[in-house]
Amino acid sequence: MSLELTLQFLMLSIGFIAVAALFLNVDKKRTQKRLEVELAEYKQQHEQNQKHK
């Protein structure tokens, strides 16, 4: 009985870690996309400022 309980706890822990890793991966991709958009906006603004000088 104790072995079954230990295995269940282990499976639950692995599942939790997998969900956390998946969430972090999605969050990383979203953050990377946001940074790329901000960088593109900054470059565009910088180019416009150079033209006006």
N, C-alpha and C. Protein backbone atom coordinates (compact mmCIF):
# COMPACT_ATOMS: atom_id res chain seq x y z
N MET A 1 0.84 -1.21 0.00
CA MET A 1 0.00 0.00 0.00
C MET A 1 0.87 1.26 0.00
N SER A 2 1.92 1.22 0.79
CA SER A 2 2.79 2.38 0.87
C SER A 2 3.50 2.64 -0.46
N LEU A 3 3.84 1.56 -1.17
CA LEU A 3 4.50 1.70 -2.46
C LEU A 3 3.56 2.36 -3.47
N GLU A 4 2.30 1.97 -3.46
CA GLU A 4 1.32 2.57 -4.36
C GLU A 4 1.16 4.06 -4.08
N LEU A 5 1.09 4.39 -2.80
CA LEU A 5 0.95 5.79 -2.41
C LEU A 5 2.16 6.61 -2.87
N THR A 6 3.34 6.03 -2.70
CA THR A 6 4.57 6.71 -3.13
C THR A 6 4.57 6.93 -4.63
N LEU A 7 4.15 5.91 -5.39
CA LEU A 7 4.10 6.03 -6.84
C LEU A 7 3.08 7.07 -7.28
N GLN A 8 1.94 7.11 -6.61
CA GLN A 8 0.92 8.12 -6.94
C GLN A 8 1.45 9.52 -6.68
N PHE A 9 2.14 9.69 -5.56
CA PHE A 9 2.71 10.99 -5.23
C PHE A 9 3.76 11.39 -6.27
N LEU A 10 4.57 10.41 -6.69
CA LEU A 10 5.59 10.66 -7.70
C LEU A 10 4.96 11.07 -9.03
N MET A 11 3.91 10.38 -9.43
CA MET A 11 3.21 10.70 -10.68
C MET A 11 2.61 12.11 -10.60
N LEU A 12 2.02 12.43 -9.47
CA LEU A 12 1.42 13.75 -9.27
C LEU A 12 2.50 14.84 -9.37
N SER A 13 3.65 14.58 -8.75
CA SER A 13 4.75 15.54 -8.79
C SER A 13 5.24 15.75 -10.22
N ILE A 14 5.40 14.65 -10.96
CA ILE A 14 5.85 14.74 -12.35
C ILE A 14 4.84 15.52 -13.19
N GLY A 15 3.56 15.26 -12.96
CA GLY A 15 2.51 15.97 -13.69
C GLY A 15 2.55 17.47 -13.40
N PHE A 16 2.74 17.81 -12.13
CA PHE A 16 2.79 19.22 -11.75
C PHE A 16 3.99 19.91 -12.41
N ILE A 17 5.14 19.24 -12.39
CA ILE A 17 6.34 19.80 -13.00
C ILE A 17 6.15 19.98 -14.50
N ALA A 18 5.49 19.01 -15.14
CA ALA A 18 5.25 19.10 -16.59
C ALA A 18 4.35 20.29 -16.92
N VAL A 19 3.31 20.49 -16.13
CA VAL A 19 2.40 21.62 -16.36
C VAL A 19 3.13 22.95 -16.14
N ALA A 20 3.95 23.01 -15.09
CA ALA A 20 4.71 24.23 -14.82
C ALA A 20 5.69 24.53 -15.96
N ALA A 21 6.36 23.50 -16.46
CA ALA A 21 7.31 23.69 -17.56
C ALA A 21 6.58 24.16 -18.82
N LEU A 22 5.42 23.59 -19.08
CA LEU A 22 4.63 23.99 -20.24
C LEU A 22 4.21 25.45 -20.13
N PHE A 23 3.74 25.85 -18.94
CA PHE A 23 3.33 27.24 -18.73
C PHE A 23 4.51 28.19 -18.93
N LEU A 24 5.67 27.82 -18.38
CA LEU A 24 6.84 28.69 -18.51
C LEU A 24 7.27 28.83 -19.97
N ASN A 25 7.15 27.75 -20.73
CA ASN A 25 7.52 27.79 -22.14
C ASN A 25 6.58 28.72 -22.91
N VAL A 26 5.29 28.62 -22.65
CA VAL A 26 4.30 29.49 -23.32
C VAL A 26 4.55 30.95 -22.94
N ASP A 27 4.82 31.18 -21.65
CA ASP A 27 5.07 32.54 -21.17
C ASP A 27 6.33 33.12 -21.81
N LYS A 28 7.35 32.27 -21.96
CA LYS A 28 8.61 32.71 -22.58
C LYS A 28 8.36 33.13 -24.03
N LYS A 29 7.59 32.34 -24.75
CA LYS A 29 7.31 32.66 -26.16
C LYS A 29 6.52 33.96 -26.26
N ARG A 30 5.54 34.14 -25.36
CA ARG A 30 4.73 35.36 -25.39
C ARG A 30 5.60 36.58 -25.08
N THR A 31 6.47 36.45 -24.09
CA THR A 31 7.36 37.55 -23.73
C THR A 31 8.31 37.88 -24.87
N GLN A 32 8.83 36.84 -25.53
CA GLN A 32 9.75 37.06 -26.65
C GLN A 32 9.06 37.79 -27.79
N LYS A 33 7.82 37.41 -28.09
CA LYS A 33 7.07 38.09 -29.15
C LYS A 33 6.83 39.55 -28.80
N ARG A 34 6.47 39.80 -27.53
CA ARG A 34 6.22 41.18 -27.10
C ARG A 34 7.49 42.02 -27.22
N LEU A 35 8.62 41.44 -26.84
CA LEU A 35 9.88 42.17 -26.94
C LEU A 35 10.25 42.45 -28.39
N GLU A 36 9.98 41.49 -29.28
CA GLU A 36 10.26 41.71 -30.70
C GLU A 36 9.40 42.84 -31.25
N VAL A 37 8.14 42.90 -30.84
CA VAL A 37 7.25 43.97 -31.29
C VAL A 37 7.74 45.32 -30.77
N GLU A 38 8.12 45.35 -29.49
CA GLU A 38 8.62 46.61 -28.91
C GLU A 38 9.90 47.06 -29.60
N LEU A 39 10.77 46.11 -29.93
CA LEU A 39 12.01 46.46 -30.61
C LEU A 39 11.73 47.02 -32.00
N ALA A 40 10.79 46.40 -32.71
CA ALA A 40 10.43 46.88 -34.05
C ALA A 40 9.85 48.29 -33.97
N GLU A 41 8.99 48.53 -32.97
CA GLU A 41 8.41 49.87 -32.79
C GLU A 41 9.50 50.89 -32.47
N TYR A 42 10.45 50.49 -31.63
CA TYR A 42 11.54 51.40 -31.26
C TYR A 42 12.39 51.75 -32.48
N LYS A 43 12.72 50.72 -33.27
CA LYS A 43 13.53 50.96 -34.48
C LYS A 43 12.79 51.88 -35.45
N GLN A 44 11.49 51.65 -35.61
CA GLN A 44 10.70 52.48 -36.53
C GLN A 44 10.68 53.93 -36.04
N GLN A 45 10.48 54.11 -34.75
CA GLN A 45 10.45 55.45 -34.18
C GLN A 45 11.83 56.13 -34.33
N HIS A 46 12.88 55.36 -34.11
CA HIS A 46 14.24 55.88 -34.22
C HIS A 46 14.53 56.32 -35.66
N GLU A 47 14.08 55.51 -36.63
CA GLU A 47 14.28 55.87 -38.04
C GLU A 47 13.52 57.14 -38.39
N GLN A 48 12.31 57.29 -37.86
CA GLN A 48 11.52 58.50 -38.13
C GLN A 48 12.20 59.72 -37.52
N ASN A 49 12.76 59.56 -36.34
CA ASN A 49 13.46 60.67 -35.69
C ASN A 49 14.70 61.08 -36.49
N GLN A 50 15.39 60.10 -37.08
CA GLN A 50 16.58 60.40 -37.88
C GLN A 50 16.21 61.17 -39.14
N LYS A 51 15.06 60.84 -39.73
CA LYS A 51 14.62 61.51 -40.96
C LYS A 51 14.26 62.97 -40.69
N HIS A 52 13.72 63.24 -39.50
CA HIS A 52 13.27 64.60 -39.17
C HIS A 52 14.43 65.53 -38.83
N LYS A 53 15.59 64.97 -38.53
CA LYS A 53 16.73 65.82 -38.13
C LYS A 53 17.38 66.49 -39.30
